[in-house]
Amino acid sequence: MEMKLGHAGGPGQKAVLMWPVYLCFMVFGMLIPFTKTDFQAMTFVFSVLLSLAAGLLTVKLLIMLFNMVNPQLLAAAGQFAGEAVGTGMLFMVPFTVLAVLAQFLLGWDAVMPFASAAVMTSVATAGSEVMKKGAQGIKNMIIPSVVAFLISTGWMLLIGLLP
């Protein structure tokens, strides 16, 4: 059973809204200042902007790479990559909820491990969604895994530099 997310797409296409994905990245960004010893407005602004940039980069890079390595599916299905990335990246939602609960109910400073796990899991799921749409080859699992590793590692390093 396929999920229909967002507004109706063009003829034969379904449009998937990416706002839940960007919202998850933004929530992770909003949680980061609470892990620091003292809350600063600058840290809050920079962490939210950095998180949104990581989200935009992740989504756009995945769509571009899936389109690039699957030209036959792009010609046949058009927006397959956007649909697959949007559906797969929804796996960020449970990790985001867990991060909020861990931070505010349990007092854990574990936002970035939850964020990294969310990115790795959801990007791998996006690769599975592409393969479900008919793409062939292990490249559809390896490429997203490498992208997720680079994005989550870079994001953690940059967040560590915030005041």
C-alpha atoms as a PDB file:
ATOM      1  CA  MET A   1       0.000   0.000   0.000  1.00  0.00           C
ATOM      2  CA  GLU A   2       1.547   3.270  -1.099  1.00  0.00           C
ATOM      3  CA  MET A   3       1.251   6.395   1.013  1.00  0.00           C
ATOM      4  CA  LYS A   4       0.119   9.557  -0.712  1.00  0.00           C
ATOM      5  CA  LEU A   5       1.919  12.462   0.899  1.00  0.00           C
ATOM      6  CA  GLY A   6       1.336  16.103   0.125  1.00  0.00           C
ATOM      7  CA  HIS A   7      -0.625  17.608  -2.721  1.00  0.00           C
ATOM      8  CA  ALA A   8      -1.671  15.785  -5.824  1.00  0.00           C
ATOM      9  CA  GLY A   9       1.069  15.820  -8.414  1.00  0.00           C
ATOM     10  CA  GLY A  10       0.758  16.026 -12.141  1.00  0.00           C
ATOM     11  CA  PRO A  11      -0.891  13.302 -14.211  1.00  0.00           C
ATOM     12  CA  GLY A  12       0.337   9.964 -12.945  1.00  0.00           C
ATOM     13  CA  GLN A  13       2.653  11.541 -10.367  1.00  0.00           C
ATOM     14  CA  LYS A  14       2.312  12.083  -6.669  1.00  0.00           C
ATOM     15  CA  ALA A  15       3.888  15.083  -5.036  1.00  0.00           C
ATOM     16  CA  VAL A  16       5.738  14.466  -1.805  1.00  0.00           C
ATOM     17  CA  LEU A  17       6.180  17.393   0.518  1.00  0.00           C
ATOM     18  CA  MET A  18       9.591  17.703   2.071  1.00  0.00           C
ATOM     19  CA  TRP A  19       8.518  19.946   4.951  1.00  0.00           C
ATOM     20  CA  PRO A  20       8.474  17.105   7.531  1.00  0.00           C
ATOM     21  CA  VAL A  21      12.109  16.370   6.673  1.00  0.00           C
ATOM     22  CA  TYR A  22      13.151  20.007   6.966  1.00  0.00           C
ATOM     23  CA  LEU A  23      11.137  20.326  10.176  1.00  0.00           C
ATOM     24  CA  CYS A  24      13.046  17.396  11.683  1.00  0.00           C
ATOM     25  CA  PHE A  25      16.371  18.999  10.783  1.00  0.00           C
ATOM     26  CA  MET A  26      15.145  22.281  12.259  1.00  0.00           C
ATOM     27  CA  VAL A  27      14.061  20.604  15.512  1.00  0.00           C
ATOM     28  CA  PHE A  28      17.483  19.004  15.824  1.00  0.00           C
ATOM     29  CA  GLY A  29      18.982  22.456  15.288  1.00  0.00           C
ATOM     30  CA  MET A  30      16.731  23.958  17.953  1.00  0.00           C
ATOM     31  CA  LEU A  31      17.757  21.267  20.461  1.00  0.00           C
ATOM     32  CA  ILE A  32      21.498  21.762  20.045  1.00  0.00           C
ATOM     33  CA  PRO A  33      21.800  24.960  22.171  1.00  0.00           C
ATOM     34  CA  PHE A  34      20.201  23.107  25.085  1.00  0.00           C
ATOM     35  CA  THR A  35      23.164  20.713  25.116  1.00  0.00           C
ATOM     36  CA  LYS A  36      25.624  23.560  25.737  1.00  0.00           C
ATOM     37  CA  THR A  37      26.523  24.720  29.245  1.00  0.00           C
ATOM     38  CA  ASP A  38      24.888  28.094  28.724  1.00  0.00           C
ATOM     39  CA  PHE A  39      22.126  28.938  26.245  1.00  0.00           C
ATOM     40  CA  GLN A  40      23.074  31.658  23.760  1.00  0.00           C
ATOM     41  CA  ALA A  41      20.860  33.216  21.092  1.00  0.00           C
ATOM     42  CA  MET A  42      23.712  33.168  18.566  1.00  0.00           C
ATOM     43  CA  THR A  43      24.192  29.440  19.061  1.00  0.00           C
ATOM     44  CA  PHE A  44      20.464  28.936  18.560  1.00  0.00           C
ATOM     45  CA  VAL A  45      20.384  30.903  15.302  1.00  0.00           C
ATOM     46  CA  PHE A  46      23.541  29.316  13.900  1.00  0.00           C
ATOM     47  CA  SER A  47      22.505  25.778  14.842  1.00  0.00           C
ATOM     48  CA  VAL A  48      19.065  26.156  13.229  1.00  0.00           C
ATOM     49  CA  LEU A  49      20.581  27.633  10.056  1.00  0.00           C
ATOM     50  CA  LEU A  50      23.272  24.968   9.949  1.00  0.00           C
ATOM     51  CA  SER A  51      20.693  22.234  10.454  1.00  0.00           C
ATOM     52  CA  LEU A  52      18.471  23.575   7.678  1.00  0.00           C
ATOM     53  CA  ALA A  53      21.499  23.800   5.390  1.00  0.00           C
ATOM     54  CA  ALA A  54      22.348  20.171   6.209  1.00  0.00           C
ATOM     55  CA  GLY A  55      18.767  19.186   5.436  1.00  0.00           C
ATOM     56  CA  LEU A  56      18.653  21.037   2.139  1.00  0.00           C
ATOM     57  CA  LEU A  57      22.035  19.665   1.110  1.00  0.00           C
ATOM     58  CA  THR A  58      21.041  16.105   2.010  1.00  0.00           C
ATOM     59  CA  VAL A  59      17.746  16.157   0.113  1.00  0.00           C
ATOM     60  CA  LYS A  60      19.013  17.960  -2.988  1.00  0.00           C
ATOM     61  CA  LEU A  61      22.205  15.901  -3.182  1.00  0.00           C
ATOM     62  CA  LEU A  62      20.306  12.622  -2.898  1.00  0.00           C
ATOM     63  CA  ILE A  63      17.780  13.579  -5.557  1.00  0.00           C
ATOM     64  CA  MET A  64      20.572  14.686  -7.890  1.00  0.00           C
ATOM     65  CA  LEU A  65      22.625  11.519  -7.345  1.00  0.00           C
ATOM     66  CA  PHE A  66      19.641   9.169  -7.704  1.00  0.00           C
ATOM     67  CA  ASN A  67      18.674  10.891 -10.958  1.00  0.00           C
ATOM     68  CA  MET A  68      22.265  10.747 -12.179  1.00  0.00           C
ATOM     69  CA  VAL A  69      22.870   7.031 -11.513  1.00  0.00           C
ATOM     70  CA  ASN A  70      19.420   5.890 -12.677  1.00  0.00           C
ATOM     71  CA  PRO A  71      18.876   7.578 -16.074  1.00  0.00           C
ATOM     72  CA  GLN A  72      16.568   4.816 -17.321  1.00  0.00           C
ATOM     73  CA  LEU A  73      14.250   5.273 -14.334  1.00  0.00           C
ATOM     74  CA  LEU A  74      14.401   9.054 -14.686  1.00  0.00           C
ATOM     75  CA  ALA A  75      13.246   8.761 -18.301  1.00  0.00           C
ATOM     76  CA  ALA A  76      10.452   6.340 -17.390  1.00  0.00           C
ATOM     77  CA  ALA A  77       9.209   7.651 -14.027  1.00  0.00           C
ATOM     78  CA  GLY A  78      10.196  11.335 -13.998  1.00  0.00           C
ATOM     79  CA  GLN A  79      10.115  12.432 -10.363  1.00  0.00           C
ATOM     80  CA  PHE A  80      10.972   9.022  -8.859  1.00  0.00           C
ATOM     81  CA  ALA A  81      13.946  10.363  -6.897  1.00  0.00           C
ATOM     82  CA  GLY A  82      12.031  13.136  -5.146  1.00  0.00           C
ATOM     83  CA  GLU A  83       9.266  10.727  -4.190  1.00  0.00           C
ATOM     84  CA  ALA A  84      11.716   8.135  -2.901  1.00  0.00           C
ATOM     85  CA  VAL A  85      13.759  10.659  -0.916  1.00  0.00           C
ATOM     86  CA  GLY A  86      10.644  12.260   0.567  1.00  0.00           C
ATOM     87  CA  THR A  87       9.195   8.919   1.614  1.00  0.00           C
ATOM     88  CA  GLY A  88      12.477   7.500   2.914  1.00  0.00           C
ATOM     89  CA  MET A  89      13.431  10.607   4.844  1.00  0.00           C
ATOM     90  CA  LEU A  90      10.210  10.363   6.867  1.00  0.00           C
ATOM     91  CA  PHE A  91      12.108   7.885   9.013  1.00  0.00           C
ATOM     92  CA  MET A  92      13.642  10.939  10.678  1.00  0.00           C
ATOM     93  CA  VAL A  93      10.401  11.626  12.567  1.00  0.00           C
ATOM     94  CA  PRO A  94      10.737   8.919  15.262  1.00  0.00           C
ATOM     95  CA  PHE A  95      14.374   9.842  15.910  1.00  0.00           C
ATOM     96  CA  THR A  96      13.393  13.490  16.244  1.00  0.00           C
ATOM     97  CA  VAL A  97      10.667  12.651  18.761  1.00  0.00           C
ATOM     98  CA  LEU A  98      13.110  10.474  20.711  1.00  0.00           C
ATOM     99  CA  ALA A  99      15.695  13.285  20.736  1.00  0.00           C
ATOM    100  CA  VAL A 100      13.155  15.758  22.127  1.00  0.00           C
ATOM    101  CA  LEU A 101      12.040  13.299  24.809  1.00  0.00           C
ATOM    102  CA  ALA A 102      15.613  12.407  25.713  1.00  0.00           C
ATOM    103  CA  GLN A 103      16.634  16.055  26.001  1.00  0.00           C
ATOM    104  CA  PHE A 104      13.703  17.395  27.981  1.00  0.00           C
ATOM    105  CA  LEU A 105      12.351  14.389  29.905  1.00  0.00           C
ATOM    106  CA  LEU A 106      15.503  12.403  30.566  1.00  0.00           C
ATOM    107  CA  GLY A 107      18.028  15.234  30.561  1.00  0.00           C
ATOM    108  CA  TRP A 108      20.332  13.489  28.102  1.00  0.00           C
ATOM    109  CA  ASP A 109      22.657  15.507  25.885  1.00  0.00           C
ATOM    110  CA  ALA A 110      22.283  13.104  22.977  1.00  0.00           C
ATOM    111  CA  VAL A 111      20.870  15.259  20.197  1.00  0.00           C
ATOM    112  CA  MET A 112      23.617  14.637  17.652  1.00  0.00           C
ATOM    113  CA  PRO A 113      23.672  10.843  18.060  1.00  0.00           C
ATOM    114  CA  PHE A 114      19.922  10.841  17.426  1.00  0.00           C
ATOM    115  CA  ALA A 115      20.385  13.209  14.477  1.00  0.00           C
ATOM    116  CA  SER A 116      23.143  11.071  12.969  1.00  0.00           C
ATOM    117  CA  ALA A 117      21.114   7.901  13.391  1.00  0.00           C
ATOM    118  CA  ALA A 118      18.124   9.663  11.834  1.00  0.00           C
ATOM    119  CA  VAL A 119      20.113  10.788   8.804  1.00  0.00           C
ATOM    120  CA  MET A 120      21.792   7.425   8.286  1.00  0.00           C
ATOM    121  CA  THR A 121      18.558   5.440   8.630  1.00  0.00           C
ATOM    122  CA  SER A 122      16.366   7.728   6.562  1.00  0.00           C
ATOM    123  CA  VAL A 123      18.873   8.084   3.728  1.00  0.00           C
ATOM    124  CA  ALA A 124      19.336   4.307   3.562  1.00  0.00           C
ATOM    125  CA  THR A 125      15.560   3.972   3.478  1.00  0.00           C
ATOM    126  CA  ALA A 126      15.455   6.455   0.596  1.00  0.00           C
ATOM    127  CA  GLY A 127      17.853   4.129  -1.250  1.00  0.00           C
ATOM    128  CA  SER A 128      15.493   1.240  -0.580  1.00  0.00           C
ATOM    129  CA  GLU A 129      12.579   3.316  -1.881  1.00  0.00           C
ATOM    130  CA  VAL A 130      14.483   3.982  -5.112  1.00  0.00           C
ATOM    131  CA  MET A 131      15.070   0.262  -5.524  1.00  0.00           C
ATOM    132  CA  LYS A 132      11.381  -0.376  -4.836  1.00  0.00           C
ATOM    133  CA  LYS A 133      10.592   1.906  -7.769  1.00  0.00           C
ATOM    134  CA  GLY A 134      12.639  -0.299 -10.090  1.00  0.00           C
ATOM    135  CA  ALA A 135      16.239   0.906  -9.865  1.00  0.00           C
ATOM    136  CA  GLN A 136      18.863  -1.798 -10.134  1.00  0.00           C
ATOM    137  CA  GLY A 137      22.248  -2.227  -8.484  1.00  0.00           C
ATOM    138  CA  ILE A 138      23.945  -1.912  -5.142  1.00  0.00           C
ATOM    139  CA  LYS A 139      24.928   1.655  -6.065  1.00  0.00           C
ATOM    140  CA  ASN A 140      21.487   2.739  -4.847  1.00  0.00           C
ATOM    141  CA  MET A 141      22.427   1.645  -1.336  1.00  0.00           C
ATOM    142  CA  ILE A 142      26.113   2.550  -1.283  1.00  0.00           C
ATOM    143  CA  ILE A 143      25.776   6.104  -2.634  1.00  0.00           C
ATOM    144  CA  PRO A 144      23.143   7.146  -0.067  1.00  0.00           C
ATOM    145  CA  SER A 145      25.147   5.573   2.741  1.00  0.00           C
ATOM    146  CA  VAL A 146      28.248   7.536   1.761  1.00  0.00           C
ATOM    147  CA  VAL A 147      26.216  10.744   1.465  1.00  0.00           C
ATOM    148  CA  ALA A 148      24.628  10.158   4.874  1.00  0.00           C
ATOM    149  CA  PHE A 149      28.002   9.447   6.463  1.00  0.00           C
ATOM    150  CA  LEU A 150      29.551  12.610   5.027  1.00  0.00           C
ATOM    151  CA  ILE A 151      26.569  14.828   5.902  1.00  0.00           C
ATOM    152  CA  SER A 152      26.183  13.547   9.462  1.00  0.00           C
ATOM    153  CA  THR A 153      29.922  13.658  10.165  1.00  0.00           C
ATOM    154  CA  GLY A 154      30.293  17.159   8.729  1.00  0.00           C
ATOM    155  CA  TRP A 155      27.214  18.338  10.598  1.00  0.00           C
ATOM    156  CA  MET A 156      28.541  16.982  13.910  1.00  0.00           C
ATOM    157  CA  LEU A 157      31.926  18.609  13.368  1.00  0.00           C
ATOM    158  CA  LEU A 158      30.406  21.986  12.513  1.00  0.00           C
ATOM    159  CA  ILE A 159      27.994  21.839  15.469  1.00  0.00           C
ATOM    160  CA  GLY A 160      30.979  21.163  17.732  1.00  0.00           C
ATOM    161  CA  LEU A 161      32.490  24.476  16.639  1.00  0.00           C
ATOM    162  CA  LEU A 162      29.472  26.515  17.745  1.00  0.00           C
ATOM    163  CA  PRO A 163      29.931  28.677  20.862  1.00  0.00           C
END
